[in-house]
Structures are given as structure tokens and as C-alpha cells.
N, C-alpha and C. Protein backbone atom coordinates (compact mmCIF):
# COMPACT_ATOMS: atom_id res chain seq x y z
N MET A 1 -30.90 -16.02 -58.81
CA MET A 1 -29.52 -16.18 -58.40
C MET A 1 -28.84 -14.75 -58.10
N LYS A 2 -29.12 -13.88 -59.05
CA LYS A 2 -28.66 -12.42 -58.97
C LYS A 2 -29.24 -11.80 -57.79
N ILE A 3 -30.56 -12.09 -57.54
CA ILE A 3 -31.16 -11.42 -56.34
C ILE A 3 -30.56 -11.84 -55.04
N LYS A 4 -30.28 -13.13 -54.98
CA LYS A 4 -29.66 -13.74 -53.78
C LYS A 4 -28.38 -13.16 -53.53
N PHE A 5 -27.52 -13.03 -54.61
CA PHE A 5 -26.17 -12.52 -54.48
C PHE A 5 -26.27 -10.98 -53.97
N SER A 6 -27.22 -10.19 -54.50
CA SER A 6 -27.42 -8.89 -54.04
C SER A 6 -27.72 -8.77 -52.62
N ILE A 7 -28.56 -9.67 -52.10
CA ILE A 7 -29.05 -9.70 -50.70
C ILE A 7 -27.82 -10.07 -49.91
N LEU A 8 -27.07 -11.08 -50.31
CA LEU A 8 -25.88 -11.50 -49.49
C LEU A 8 -24.88 -10.29 -49.45
N PHE A 9 -24.71 -9.60 -50.60
CA PHE A 9 -23.75 -8.45 -50.60
C PHE A 9 -24.25 -7.39 -49.55
N LEU A 10 -25.55 -7.02 -49.58
CA LEU A 10 -26.00 -6.02 -48.67
C LEU A 10 -25.84 -6.46 -47.20
N LEU A 11 -26.09 -7.70 -46.89
CA LEU A 11 -25.83 -8.20 -45.55
C LEU A 11 -24.45 -8.04 -45.12
N TYR A 12 -23.48 -8.56 -46.06
CA TYR A 12 -22.10 -8.56 -45.65
C TYR A 12 -21.67 -7.07 -45.62
N PHE A 13 -21.99 -6.22 -46.38
CA PHE A 13 -21.59 -4.81 -46.36
C PHE A 13 -22.09 -4.18 -45.08
N THR A 14 -23.31 -4.45 -44.65
CA THR A 14 -23.89 -3.96 -43.45
C THR A 14 -23.07 -4.41 -42.19
N VAL A 15 -22.74 -5.77 -42.23
CA VAL A 15 -21.95 -6.29 -41.06
C VAL A 15 -20.52 -5.73 -41.06
N LEU A 16 -20.06 -5.52 -42.29
CA LEU A 16 -18.66 -4.85 -42.30
C LEU A 16 -18.66 -3.50 -41.72
N ILE A 17 -19.70 -2.62 -42.17
CA ILE A 17 -19.74 -1.32 -41.63
C ILE A 17 -19.95 -1.36 -40.20
N GLY A 18 -20.80 -2.30 -39.66
CA GLY A 18 -20.89 -2.30 -38.25
C GLY A 18 -19.68 -2.70 -37.44
N SER A 19 -18.94 -3.67 -38.09
CA SER A 19 -17.73 -4.11 -37.41
C SER A 19 -16.61 -3.03 -37.40
N VAL A 20 -16.66 -2.11 -38.37
CA VAL A 20 -15.59 -1.10 -38.58
C VAL A 20 -15.91 -0.06 -37.53
N ASN A 21 -17.27 0.26 -37.32
CA ASN A 21 -17.65 1.32 -36.43
C ASN A 21 -17.62 0.95 -34.93
N ALA A 22 -17.89 -0.32 -34.75
CA ALA A 22 -18.06 -0.88 -33.32
C ALA A 22 -16.66 -1.11 -32.67
N GLN A 23 -15.92 -0.01 -32.49
CA GLN A 23 -14.61 -0.18 -32.01
C GLN A 23 -14.60 0.44 -30.54
N TYR A 24 -13.56 0.12 -29.90
CA TYR A 24 -13.40 0.59 -28.53
C TYR A 24 -12.60 1.87 -28.53
N PHE A 25 -13.29 2.95 -27.99
CA PHE A 25 -12.57 4.22 -27.82
C PHE A 25 -12.61 4.67 -26.43
N PRO A 26 -11.47 4.83 -25.71
CA PRO A 26 -11.44 4.94 -24.33
C PRO A 26 -12.22 6.15 -23.78
N SER A 27 -12.19 7.18 -24.57
CA SER A 27 -12.93 8.33 -24.05
C SER A 27 -14.45 8.28 -24.07
N GLU A 28 -14.98 7.23 -24.69
CA GLU A 28 -16.34 7.04 -24.73
C GLU A 28 -16.83 6.03 -23.72
N VAL A 29 -15.98 5.60 -22.84
CA VAL A 29 -16.20 4.54 -21.85
C VAL A 29 -16.01 4.94 -20.47
N TRP A 30 -16.88 4.48 -19.56
CA TRP A 30 -16.70 4.78 -18.07
C TRP A 30 -15.66 3.88 -17.52
N HIS A 31 -14.65 4.39 -16.82
CA HIS A 31 -13.55 3.73 -16.21
C HIS A 31 -13.63 3.89 -14.71
N GLU A 32 -13.14 2.90 -13.87
CA GLU A 32 -13.01 3.06 -12.48
C GLU A 32 -11.79 4.09 -12.30
N GLY A 33 -11.99 5.00 -11.44
CA GLY A 33 -10.82 5.87 -11.29
C GLY A 33 -11.06 6.84 -10.16
N LYS A 34 -10.02 7.76 -10.04
CA LYS A 34 -9.95 8.76 -9.01
C LYS A 34 -9.48 10.10 -9.56
N LEU A 35 -10.22 11.10 -9.07
CA LEU A 35 -9.98 12.55 -9.63
C LEU A 35 -9.53 13.42 -8.45
N THR A 36 -8.53 14.06 -8.71
CA THR A 36 -7.97 15.13 -7.65
C THR A 36 -8.19 16.52 -8.23
N LEU A 37 -8.86 17.33 -7.40
CA LEU A 37 -9.14 18.73 -7.89
C LEU A 37 -8.04 19.65 -7.36
N LEU A 38 -7.97 20.81 -7.91
CA LEU A 38 -6.97 21.85 -7.47
C LEU A 38 -7.26 22.27 -6.02
N SER A 39 -8.48 22.06 -5.61
CA SER A 39 -8.71 22.40 -4.24
C SER A 39 -8.26 21.28 -3.27
N GLY A 40 -7.81 20.21 -3.74
CA GLY A 40 -7.24 19.13 -2.91
C GLY A 40 -8.18 17.99 -2.70
N ASP A 41 -9.51 18.32 -3.06
CA ASP A 41 -10.52 17.25 -2.95
C ASP A 41 -10.30 16.01 -3.84
N GLU A 42 -10.53 14.83 -3.35
CA GLU A 42 -10.43 13.65 -4.16
C GLU A 42 -11.77 13.01 -4.23
N ILE A 43 -12.08 12.55 -5.49
CA ILE A 43 -13.36 11.94 -5.86
C ILE A 43 -13.08 10.61 -6.48
N SER A 44 -13.57 9.52 -6.01
CA SER A 44 -13.48 8.17 -6.63
C SER A 44 -14.79 7.77 -7.24
N GLY A 45 -14.80 7.12 -8.43
CA GLY A 45 -15.98 6.67 -8.94
C GLY A 45 -15.78 6.26 -10.36
N LYS A 46 -16.73 6.16 -11.16
CA LYS A 46 -16.76 5.97 -12.60
C LYS A 46 -16.38 7.18 -13.27
N ILE A 47 -15.33 7.24 -14.08
CA ILE A 47 -14.81 8.45 -14.70
C ILE A 47 -14.80 8.21 -16.33
N LYS A 48 -15.25 9.35 -16.95
CA LYS A 48 -15.19 9.41 -18.38
C LYS A 48 -14.52 10.80 -18.81
N TYR A 49 -13.58 10.77 -19.70
CA TYR A 49 -12.95 12.08 -20.06
C TYR A 49 -13.19 12.47 -21.52
N ASN A 50 -13.11 13.78 -21.72
CA ASN A 50 -13.41 14.24 -23.02
C ASN A 50 -12.24 15.34 -23.37
N PHE A 51 -11.38 14.92 -24.26
CA PHE A 51 -10.27 15.83 -24.69
C PHE A 51 -10.71 16.97 -25.46
N GLU A 52 -11.77 16.79 -26.32
CA GLU A 52 -12.20 17.83 -27.14
C GLU A 52 -12.72 19.03 -26.46
N ALA A 53 -13.40 18.72 -25.28
CA ALA A 53 -13.96 19.79 -24.40
C ALA A 53 -13.11 20.07 -23.17
N ASP A 54 -12.15 19.16 -22.95
CA ASP A 54 -11.27 19.31 -21.85
C ASP A 54 -12.09 19.21 -20.51
N LEU A 55 -12.93 18.16 -20.51
CA LEU A 55 -13.85 17.93 -19.39
C LEU A 55 -13.68 16.56 -18.85
N VAL A 56 -13.86 16.35 -17.62
CA VAL A 56 -14.04 15.07 -16.95
C VAL A 56 -15.28 14.90 -16.33
N GLN A 57 -15.99 13.78 -16.55
CA GLN A 57 -17.31 13.48 -15.76
C GLN A 57 -17.01 12.32 -14.80
N VAL A 58 -17.73 12.47 -13.62
CA VAL A 58 -17.55 11.47 -12.65
C VAL A 58 -18.96 10.97 -12.22
N ASN A 59 -19.22 9.72 -12.28
CA ASN A 59 -20.51 9.05 -11.90
C ASN A 59 -20.28 8.61 -10.50
N LEU A 60 -20.78 9.35 -9.48
CA LEU A 60 -20.72 9.00 -8.18
C LEU A 60 -22.09 8.74 -7.57
N ASN A 61 -22.30 7.33 -7.34
CA ASN A 61 -23.59 6.95 -6.81
C ASN A 61 -24.76 7.45 -7.63
N ASN A 62 -24.63 7.27 -8.96
CA ASN A 62 -25.58 7.60 -9.88
C ASN A 62 -25.80 9.13 -10.04
N THR A 63 -24.88 9.95 -9.41
CA THR A 63 -24.96 11.41 -9.60
C THR A 63 -23.82 11.79 -10.62
N LEU A 64 -24.16 12.53 -11.68
CA LEU A 64 -23.11 12.81 -12.60
C LEU A 64 -22.56 14.29 -12.20
N GLN A 65 -21.23 14.30 -12.09
CA GLN A 65 -20.58 15.58 -11.85
C GLN A 65 -19.57 15.94 -12.96
N THR A 66 -19.53 17.13 -13.44
CA THR A 66 -18.61 17.50 -14.53
C THR A 66 -17.68 18.52 -14.14
N TYR A 67 -16.37 18.27 -14.46
CA TYR A 67 -15.30 19.31 -14.03
C TYR A 67 -14.54 19.69 -15.25
N SER A 68 -14.24 20.92 -15.40
CA SER A 68 -13.42 21.42 -16.42
C SER A 68 -11.91 21.23 -16.15
N ALA A 69 -11.07 21.43 -17.03
CA ALA A 69 -9.65 21.29 -16.81
C ALA A 69 -9.14 22.35 -15.82
N ARG A 70 -9.85 23.50 -15.76
CA ARG A 70 -9.47 24.49 -14.90
C ARG A 70 -9.58 24.20 -13.39
N LYS A 71 -10.40 23.15 -13.11
CA LYS A 71 -10.59 22.72 -11.76
C LYS A 71 -9.82 21.44 -11.32
N ILE A 72 -9.15 20.86 -12.36
CA ILE A 72 -8.57 19.56 -12.20
C ILE A 72 -6.97 19.68 -12.03
N LEU A 73 -6.51 18.82 -11.10
CA LEU A 73 -5.13 18.75 -10.97
C LEU A 73 -4.62 17.45 -11.72
N PHE A 74 -5.33 16.37 -11.33
CA PHE A 74 -4.86 15.03 -11.81
C PHE A 74 -6.07 14.09 -11.80
N PHE A 75 -6.04 13.09 -12.71
CA PHE A 75 -6.98 11.90 -12.50
C PHE A 75 -6.26 10.70 -13.04
N GLU A 76 -6.76 9.56 -12.49
CA GLU A 76 -6.18 8.29 -12.90
C GLU A 76 -7.34 7.27 -13.13
N ILE A 77 -7.20 6.50 -14.16
CA ILE A 77 -8.27 5.58 -14.45
C ILE A 77 -7.60 4.20 -14.69
N TYR A 78 -8.42 3.12 -14.44
CA TYR A 78 -7.98 1.80 -14.84
C TYR A 78 -8.72 1.37 -16.09
N ASP A 79 -7.91 1.28 -17.16
CA ASP A 79 -8.39 0.92 -18.51
C ASP A 79 -8.41 -0.56 -18.56
N GLU A 80 -9.70 -1.20 -18.62
CA GLU A 80 -9.72 -2.72 -18.64
C GLU A 80 -9.43 -3.23 -19.93
N GLU A 81 -9.53 -2.44 -20.98
CA GLU A 81 -9.17 -2.90 -22.28
C GLU A 81 -7.76 -3.17 -22.52
N VAL A 82 -6.95 -2.44 -21.79
CA VAL A 82 -5.44 -2.54 -21.90
C VAL A 82 -4.88 -3.19 -20.61
N SER A 83 -5.71 -3.25 -19.58
CA SER A 83 -5.42 -3.88 -18.27
C SER A 83 -4.18 -3.12 -17.65
N ARG A 84 -4.36 -1.85 -17.56
CA ARG A 84 -3.41 -0.99 -16.90
C ARG A 84 -3.95 0.29 -16.38
N TYR A 85 -3.36 0.92 -15.50
CA TYR A 85 -3.64 2.32 -14.96
C TYR A 85 -3.18 3.29 -15.96
N ARG A 86 -3.90 4.42 -16.13
CA ARG A 86 -3.44 5.49 -16.85
C ARG A 86 -3.59 6.81 -16.23
N GLN A 87 -2.55 7.70 -16.33
CA GLN A 87 -2.59 8.98 -15.58
C GLN A 87 -2.68 10.10 -16.47
N PHE A 88 -3.38 11.17 -15.93
CA PHE A 88 -3.68 12.35 -16.77
C PHE A 88 -3.57 13.57 -15.81
N TYR A 89 -3.05 14.64 -16.51
CA TYR A 89 -2.87 15.98 -15.70
C TYR A 89 -3.55 17.02 -16.56
N ALA A 90 -4.05 18.14 -15.89
CA ALA A 90 -4.47 19.33 -16.47
C ALA A 90 -3.30 20.29 -16.45
N LEU A 91 -2.70 20.72 -17.53
CA LEU A 91 -1.47 21.43 -17.60
C LEU A 91 -1.75 22.78 -18.40
N PRO A 92 -1.08 23.85 -18.11
CA PRO A 92 -1.20 25.12 -18.81
C PRO A 92 -0.55 24.91 -20.27
N TYR A 93 -1.23 25.29 -21.29
CA TYR A 93 -0.77 25.16 -22.64
C TYR A 93 -0.92 26.38 -23.50
N ASN A 94 0.07 26.79 -24.14
CA ASN A 94 0.01 28.00 -25.04
C ASN A 94 -0.92 27.72 -26.24
N VAL A 95 -2.05 28.24 -26.15
CA VAL A 95 -2.96 28.09 -27.31
C VAL A 95 -2.70 29.27 -28.35
N ARG A 96 -2.10 30.30 -27.87
CA ARG A 96 -1.53 31.38 -28.75
C ARG A 96 -0.58 32.08 -27.99
N PRO A 97 0.33 32.92 -28.60
CA PRO A 97 1.43 33.61 -27.83
C PRO A 97 1.00 34.33 -26.55
N ASN A 98 1.68 34.03 -25.48
CA ASN A 98 1.39 34.76 -24.16
C ASN A 98 -0.04 34.40 -23.63
N TYR A 99 -0.60 33.38 -24.09
CA TYR A 99 -1.90 33.02 -23.48
C TYR A 99 -2.02 31.48 -23.32
N LYS A 100 -2.02 31.11 -22.00
CA LYS A 100 -2.14 29.67 -21.67
C LYS A 100 -3.50 29.30 -21.14
N VAL A 101 -3.98 28.17 -21.52
CA VAL A 101 -5.22 27.57 -20.76
C VAL A 101 -4.93 26.21 -20.30
N PRO A 102 -5.52 25.73 -19.30
CA PRO A 102 -5.36 24.36 -18.78
C PRO A 102 -6.04 23.40 -19.81
N MET A 103 -5.24 22.31 -20.17
CA MET A 103 -5.80 21.35 -21.00
C MET A 103 -5.41 20.05 -20.48
N LEU A 104 -6.04 18.95 -20.90
CA LEU A 104 -5.91 17.61 -20.39
C LEU A 104 -4.80 16.95 -21.23
N PHE A 105 -3.88 16.23 -20.50
CA PHE A 105 -2.84 15.49 -21.24
C PHE A 105 -2.62 14.11 -20.52
N GLU A 106 -2.49 13.03 -21.33
CA GLU A 106 -2.05 11.79 -20.67
C GLU A 106 -0.61 11.75 -20.45
N VAL A 107 -0.05 11.22 -19.46
CA VAL A 107 1.32 11.10 -19.31
C VAL A 107 1.68 9.62 -19.76
N LEU A 108 2.53 9.52 -20.80
CA LEU A 108 2.94 8.25 -21.31
C LEU A 108 4.22 7.83 -20.71
N TYR A 109 5.02 8.81 -20.40
CA TYR A 109 6.34 8.47 -19.70
C TYR A 109 6.75 9.68 -19.08
N GLU A 110 7.06 9.61 -17.65
CA GLU A 110 7.45 10.70 -16.96
C GLU A 110 8.87 10.70 -16.48
N ASN A 111 9.63 11.70 -16.73
CA ASN A 111 11.07 11.83 -16.26
C ASN A 111 11.57 13.09 -16.62
N THR A 112 12.84 13.25 -16.68
CA THR A 112 13.33 14.66 -17.00
C THR A 112 12.66 15.30 -18.23
N MET A 113 12.65 14.44 -19.30
CA MET A 113 11.76 14.81 -20.46
C MET A 113 10.60 13.91 -20.46
N THR A 114 9.39 14.49 -20.33
CA THR A 114 8.13 13.62 -20.28
C THR A 114 7.39 13.62 -21.53
N LEU A 115 6.88 12.43 -21.89
CA LEU A 115 6.10 12.28 -23.06
C LEU A 115 4.61 12.36 -22.76
N LEU A 116 3.88 13.30 -23.44
CA LEU A 116 2.43 13.50 -23.15
C LEU A 116 1.66 13.16 -24.44
N CYS A 117 0.43 12.98 -24.38
CA CYS A 117 -0.42 12.86 -25.53
C CYS A 117 -1.82 13.19 -25.24
N ARG A 118 -2.50 13.54 -26.38
CA ARG A 118 -4.00 13.84 -26.36
C ARG A 118 -4.55 12.92 -27.53
N GLU A 119 -5.61 12.33 -27.32
CA GLU A 119 -6.25 11.46 -28.22
C GLU A 119 -7.51 12.10 -28.83
N SER A 120 -7.86 11.57 -29.99
CA SER A 120 -9.17 12.00 -30.67
C SER A 120 -9.64 10.92 -31.57
N VAL A 121 -10.87 10.95 -31.79
CA VAL A 121 -11.50 9.83 -32.74
C VAL A 121 -11.69 10.62 -34.09
N VAL A 122 -11.14 10.06 -35.10
CA VAL A 122 -11.14 10.68 -36.47
C VAL A 122 -12.08 9.74 -37.32
N GLN A 123 -12.68 10.35 -38.30
CA GLN A 123 -13.34 9.59 -39.36
C GLN A 123 -12.74 9.46 -40.57
N GLU A 124 -12.75 8.30 -41.22
CA GLU A 124 -12.01 8.10 -42.46
C GLU A 124 -13.00 7.39 -43.45
N THR A 125 -12.79 7.67 -44.64
CA THR A 125 -13.59 6.93 -45.82
C THR A 125 -12.49 6.03 -46.42
N VAL A 126 -12.85 4.82 -46.58
CA VAL A 126 -11.70 3.90 -47.05
C VAL A 126 -12.47 2.93 -48.11
N PRO A 127 -11.69 2.62 -49.10
CA PRO A 127 -12.31 1.69 -50.15
C PRO A 127 -12.35 0.28 -49.57
N GLN A 128 -13.50 -0.37 -50.05
CA GLN A 128 -13.68 -1.81 -49.63
C GLN A 128 -13.55 -2.70 -50.82
N TYR A 129 -12.79 -3.88 -50.56
CA TYR A 129 -12.50 -4.77 -51.70
C TYR A 129 -13.18 -6.12 -51.29
N GLY A 130 -13.46 -6.90 -52.33
CA GLY A 130 -14.15 -8.22 -52.10
C GLY A 130 -14.95 -8.60 -53.24
N TYR A 131 -15.85 -9.57 -53.02
CA TYR A 131 -16.70 -10.04 -54.04
C TYR A 131 -17.65 -8.91 -54.56
N TYR A 132 -18.01 -7.95 -53.63
CA TYR A 132 -18.90 -6.93 -54.07
C TYR A 132 -18.26 -5.86 -54.97
N SER A 133 -17.01 -5.93 -55.18
CA SER A 133 -16.32 -4.92 -56.16
C SER A 133 -16.81 -5.10 -57.50
N TYR A 134 -17.56 -6.21 -57.72
CA TYR A 134 -18.25 -6.44 -59.05
C TYR A 134 -19.17 -5.24 -59.36
N TYR A 135 -19.74 -4.68 -58.30
CA TYR A 135 -20.66 -3.64 -58.53
C TYR A 135 -20.07 -2.26 -58.55
N GLY A 136 -18.78 -2.16 -58.62
CA GLY A 136 -18.12 -0.88 -58.64
C GLY A 136 -17.34 -0.70 -57.43
N ASN A 137 -16.70 0.56 -57.36
CA ASN A 137 -16.10 0.94 -56.07
C ASN A 137 -17.04 1.16 -54.90
N ARG A 138 -16.67 0.53 -53.86
CA ARG A 138 -17.40 0.80 -52.65
C ARG A 138 -16.58 1.25 -51.46
N TYR A 139 -17.18 2.20 -50.69
CA TYR A 139 -16.53 2.89 -49.71
C TYR A 139 -17.10 2.64 -48.32
N ALA A 140 -16.41 2.65 -47.29
CA ALA A 140 -17.00 2.56 -45.96
C ALA A 140 -16.44 3.61 -45.08
N THR A 141 -17.21 4.11 -44.07
CA THR A 141 -16.77 5.04 -43.14
C THR A 141 -16.35 4.26 -41.89
N ARG A 142 -15.11 4.59 -41.46
CA ARG A 142 -14.74 3.94 -40.21
C ARG A 142 -14.06 5.01 -39.33
N TYR A 143 -13.88 4.67 -38.08
CA TYR A 143 -13.38 5.58 -37.04
C TYR A 143 -12.15 5.03 -36.49
N ARG A 144 -11.11 5.82 -36.25
CA ARG A 144 -10.03 5.24 -35.49
C ARG A 144 -9.48 6.27 -34.51
N LEU A 145 -8.65 5.72 -33.61
CA LEU A 145 -8.05 6.56 -32.55
C LEU A 145 -6.83 7.28 -33.17
N SER A 146 -6.75 8.57 -32.96
CA SER A 146 -5.54 9.34 -33.43
C SER A 146 -5.01 10.00 -32.15
N PHE A 147 -3.59 10.19 -32.20
CA PHE A 147 -2.81 10.81 -31.13
C PHE A 147 -2.02 12.00 -31.54
N ASP A 148 -2.14 12.95 -30.67
CA ASP A 148 -1.12 14.11 -30.80
C ASP A 148 -0.17 14.02 -29.62
N TYR A 149 1.10 14.11 -30.05
CA TYR A 149 2.15 14.02 -28.94
C TYR A 149 2.80 15.25 -28.56
N PHE A 150 3.25 15.34 -27.36
CA PHE A 150 3.96 16.57 -26.79
C PHE A 150 5.03 16.19 -25.94
N PHE A 151 6.04 16.93 -25.75
CA PHE A 151 7.08 16.76 -24.74
C PHE A 151 7.04 17.76 -23.77
N LEU A 152 7.17 17.43 -22.52
CA LEU A 152 7.26 18.46 -21.43
C LEU A 152 8.67 18.44 -20.90
N ASN A 153 9.29 19.70 -21.11
CA ASN A 153 10.78 19.72 -20.65
C ASN A 153 10.88 20.12 -19.17
N PRO A 154 12.15 20.20 -18.70
CA PRO A 154 12.33 20.52 -17.29
C PRO A 154 11.98 21.91 -17.01
N LYS A 155 11.87 22.87 -18.00
CA LYS A 155 11.44 24.22 -17.72
C LYS A 155 9.96 24.44 -17.56
N GLY A 156 9.21 23.31 -17.82
CA GLY A 156 7.78 23.30 -17.83
C GLY A 156 7.13 23.67 -19.08
N ASP A 157 7.83 23.78 -20.12
CA ASP A 157 7.34 24.09 -21.45
C ASP A 157 6.79 22.76 -22.11
N ILE A 158 5.65 22.85 -22.71
CA ILE A 158 4.96 21.79 -23.43
C ILE A 158 5.20 22.02 -24.91
N ILE A 159 5.95 21.18 -25.49
CA ILE A 159 6.34 21.26 -26.92
C ILE A 159 5.61 20.27 -27.75
N PRO A 160 4.78 20.79 -28.69
CA PRO A 160 4.09 19.77 -29.69
C PRO A 160 5.08 19.07 -30.65
N TYR A 161 4.80 17.88 -30.85
CA TYR A 161 5.65 16.98 -31.64
C TYR A 161 4.99 16.65 -32.96
N SER A 162 5.54 16.89 -34.11
CA SER A 162 4.85 16.62 -35.35
C SER A 162 4.95 15.16 -35.88
N GLN A 163 5.62 14.32 -35.14
CA GLN A 163 5.80 12.86 -35.44
C GLN A 163 6.74 12.71 -36.65
N LYS A 164 7.61 13.66 -36.83
CA LYS A 164 8.55 13.66 -37.95
C LYS A 164 10.01 13.52 -37.35
N LYS A 165 10.84 12.84 -38.05
CA LYS A 165 12.10 12.55 -37.61
C LYS A 165 12.95 13.78 -37.22
N ASP A 166 13.01 14.79 -38.11
CA ASP A 166 13.77 16.00 -37.82
C ASP A 166 13.29 16.68 -36.56
N ASP A 167 11.91 16.76 -36.40
CA ASP A 167 11.31 17.30 -35.26
C ASP A 167 11.72 16.71 -33.93
N LEU A 168 11.72 15.36 -34.02
CA LEU A 168 12.11 14.61 -32.79
C LEU A 168 13.50 14.98 -32.35
N TYR A 169 14.45 15.07 -33.21
CA TYR A 169 15.82 15.33 -32.89
C TYR A 169 16.12 16.75 -32.55
N ASN A 170 15.20 17.57 -33.04
CA ASN A 170 15.26 19.01 -32.62
C ASN A 170 14.77 19.13 -31.18
N ILE A 171 13.89 18.26 -30.73
CA ILE A 171 13.37 18.41 -29.37
C ILE A 171 14.19 17.59 -28.40
N LEU A 172 14.62 16.32 -28.84
CA LEU A 172 15.51 15.49 -28.04
C LEU A 172 16.87 15.79 -28.60
N SER A 173 17.35 16.83 -28.37
CA SER A 173 18.66 17.33 -29.05
C SER A 173 19.97 16.76 -28.51
N GLN A 174 19.91 16.42 -27.22
CA GLN A 174 21.26 15.94 -26.57
C GLN A 174 21.48 14.53 -26.89
N ASN A 175 22.69 14.10 -26.93
CA ASN A 175 23.13 12.74 -27.20
C ASN A 175 22.44 12.26 -28.47
N LYS A 176 22.42 13.14 -29.55
CA LYS A 176 21.76 12.80 -30.66
C LYS A 176 22.16 11.55 -31.45
N ASP A 177 23.59 11.38 -31.54
CA ASP A 177 24.14 10.19 -32.17
C ASP A 177 23.70 8.95 -31.55
N ASN A 178 23.79 8.92 -30.27
CA ASN A 178 23.50 7.67 -29.47
C ASN A 178 21.92 7.29 -29.58
N LEU A 179 21.03 8.45 -29.67
CA LEU A 179 19.70 8.22 -29.79
C LEU A 179 19.30 7.75 -31.12
N GLU A 180 19.98 8.21 -32.16
CA GLU A 180 19.74 7.78 -33.55
C GLU A 180 20.16 6.39 -33.73
N LYS A 181 21.19 5.94 -33.13
CA LYS A 181 21.73 4.57 -33.20
C LYS A 181 20.74 3.62 -32.53
N TYR A 182 20.23 4.05 -31.42
CA TYR A 182 19.25 3.16 -30.67
C TYR A 182 17.92 3.06 -31.53
N VAL A 183 17.44 4.09 -32.10
CA VAL A 183 16.30 4.01 -32.93
C VAL A 183 16.52 3.17 -34.18
N LYS A 184 17.61 3.29 -34.79
CA LYS A 184 17.90 2.47 -35.99
C LYS A 184 18.05 1.04 -35.63
N GLU A 185 18.82 0.68 -34.59
CA GLU A 185 19.07 -0.69 -34.25
C GLU A 185 17.77 -1.39 -33.82
N ASN A 186 16.93 -0.68 -33.24
CA ASN A 186 15.59 -1.32 -32.71
C ASN A 186 14.56 -1.17 -33.71
N ARG A 187 14.70 -0.51 -34.86
CA ARG A 187 13.77 -0.32 -35.90
C ARG A 187 12.46 0.36 -35.35
N LEU A 188 12.75 1.42 -34.68
CA LEU A 188 11.65 2.15 -34.04
C LEU A 188 10.96 3.18 -34.98
N LYS A 189 9.76 3.48 -34.84
CA LYS A 189 9.11 4.41 -35.74
C LYS A 189 8.89 5.68 -34.89
N TYR A 190 8.98 6.86 -35.72
CA TYR A 190 8.80 8.19 -35.12
C TYR A 190 7.44 8.50 -34.77
N ASP A 191 6.50 7.81 -35.28
CA ASP A 191 5.07 8.13 -35.07
C ASP A 191 4.22 6.96 -34.44
N ARG A 192 4.92 6.00 -33.85
CA ARG A 192 4.29 4.76 -33.31
C ARG A 192 4.19 5.05 -31.83
N HIS A 193 3.07 4.78 -31.29
CA HIS A 193 2.80 5.04 -29.84
C HIS A 193 3.83 4.38 -28.93
N ARG A 194 3.90 3.07 -28.97
CA ARG A 194 4.78 2.41 -28.04
C ARG A 194 6.28 2.61 -28.36
N ASP A 195 6.50 2.99 -29.66
CA ASP A 195 7.99 3.22 -29.90
C ASP A 195 8.34 4.60 -29.37
N LEU A 196 7.47 5.60 -29.41
CA LEU A 196 7.88 6.88 -28.78
C LEU A 196 8.16 6.76 -27.30
N VAL A 197 7.39 5.86 -26.57
CA VAL A 197 7.66 5.61 -25.15
C VAL A 197 9.05 5.13 -25.07
N ARG A 198 9.37 4.08 -25.84
CA ARG A 198 10.67 3.49 -25.69
C ARG A 198 11.81 4.63 -26.05
N ILE A 199 11.58 5.40 -27.06
CA ILE A 199 12.50 6.43 -27.46
C ILE A 199 12.74 7.49 -26.24
N THR A 200 11.60 7.86 -25.66
CA THR A 200 11.69 8.78 -24.67
C THR A 200 12.39 8.25 -23.30
N ALA A 201 12.06 6.97 -22.97
CA ALA A 201 12.74 6.34 -21.84
C ALA A 201 14.22 6.20 -22.15
N TYR A 202 14.69 5.87 -23.28
CA TYR A 202 16.08 5.71 -23.59
C TYR A 202 16.77 7.06 -23.55
N TYR A 203 16.08 8.10 -24.15
CA TYR A 203 16.70 9.45 -24.12
C TYR A 203 16.94 9.94 -22.64
N ASN A 204 15.96 9.57 -21.79
CA ASN A 204 16.15 9.94 -20.28
C ASN A 204 17.21 9.19 -19.69
N SER A 205 17.36 7.97 -20.11
CA SER A 205 18.56 7.17 -19.59
C SER A 205 19.86 7.81 -19.88
N LEU A 206 19.94 8.41 -21.13
CA LEU A 206 21.20 9.08 -21.57
C LEU A 206 21.33 10.35 -20.81
N LEU A 207 20.30 11.11 -20.53
CA LEU A 207 20.38 12.33 -19.83
C LEU A 207 20.79 12.12 -18.40
N ASN A 208 20.27 11.06 -17.83
CA ASN A 208 20.58 10.75 -16.34
C ASN A 208 21.72 9.91 -16.09
N SER A 209 22.42 9.51 -17.16
CA SER A 209 23.57 8.63 -16.91
C SER A 209 24.91 9.38 -16.54
């Protein structure tokens, strides 16, 4: 009986780890899309992007082409997982004072104040609970999608956002009282993807009213 239980535990734990790791990460998948280069050339085909290296790969008739952010103006993909188009730009970003390099950013909301993001896959070690806790603490490695957010202001400055309340209102500094009221009434989070889109959209409506 004890042997059977151990075997069941190992099978369950293996399946659990597999399910944790077998997630969908957009940067690891080929998407139908279109790439526009700084030269003005447009390329359509299967596209895969890499934020860590700031590269875009295009599979065109089984020929793989790779482009760095320095050569890219814009690209668009259709993400089947979320059933929508997503737009990306290569924009100059201050990696240190007085030194900018082109980096890839996804545009989440575009207006007077634009919301941008960059995604990455991060690894976490988390405790596992269940029948197998009889054998002591068990931990599993899982991967999740993490986002860094930025605001692009009308001057063309890209401002990193720490996902903290005070930082948000320092960046979105106009009509602060109205914006705070809107966030509170709608119970929006300062670090939640979809809520940041709503906050940015509302802030722009205040600016443009």
C-alpha cells in the first residue's frame, strides 16, 4: 500500500510540474504578422519576437530572417491566444545618461500619454500542498509572464513605471484628484495589466476634454 501511494505521488507530482511549465508564452510562439523596417520595406510572414535580445525573427517561405531593433520601425502580430492584434515599435530608450539604444516595446494604449510594456518569462519556486505534504515540504518550479511598464509622454520621453501608486501619480500628474477618484471607484490596481490600460485611457480623456 505504501509503495502504491509513493508511485501515485510521483505520478501526480510529475504531472503537476508538467502542467505548471506547459504554459503559453507569446514570445516563444510564431504569430502571423507584418514587419516594417526603417528602410520602408515591409515583410509579412510568421513572426517571433525576443525582448531580451531585442530581436524579431521572420519565417518567410521556410527562410528564417532575423532583425535587430536598430533596423525595425514597427511590427504587428495576430495573437491567437487572446484573439487580437498586437502592435510593437522599436523606440530609443535611455539605458544610461545621454545614451539611447533602440528597444522593442508593445503599445498597450496610444494617445497623448501612451502606455508601453516589455514582457519577460521569470522562474519561481513555489510550495506545493496536497496529500504528498505527508512527505515534507515540496516545491515546484514554475514560469510566469512578467511585465515592465513605461509611459511615453508627448515630448518623446519613455518613463519607466515602478507599478507603485505614488509613482503613477508622479507620472500622470495632471487632474490627479479626478484620476484618483476614478481608480478608487472602479477598484483598479496599479500593477494589473488591464487596469493600467483603463487608467491610461481615462487619464487621456481628462487631458483631451
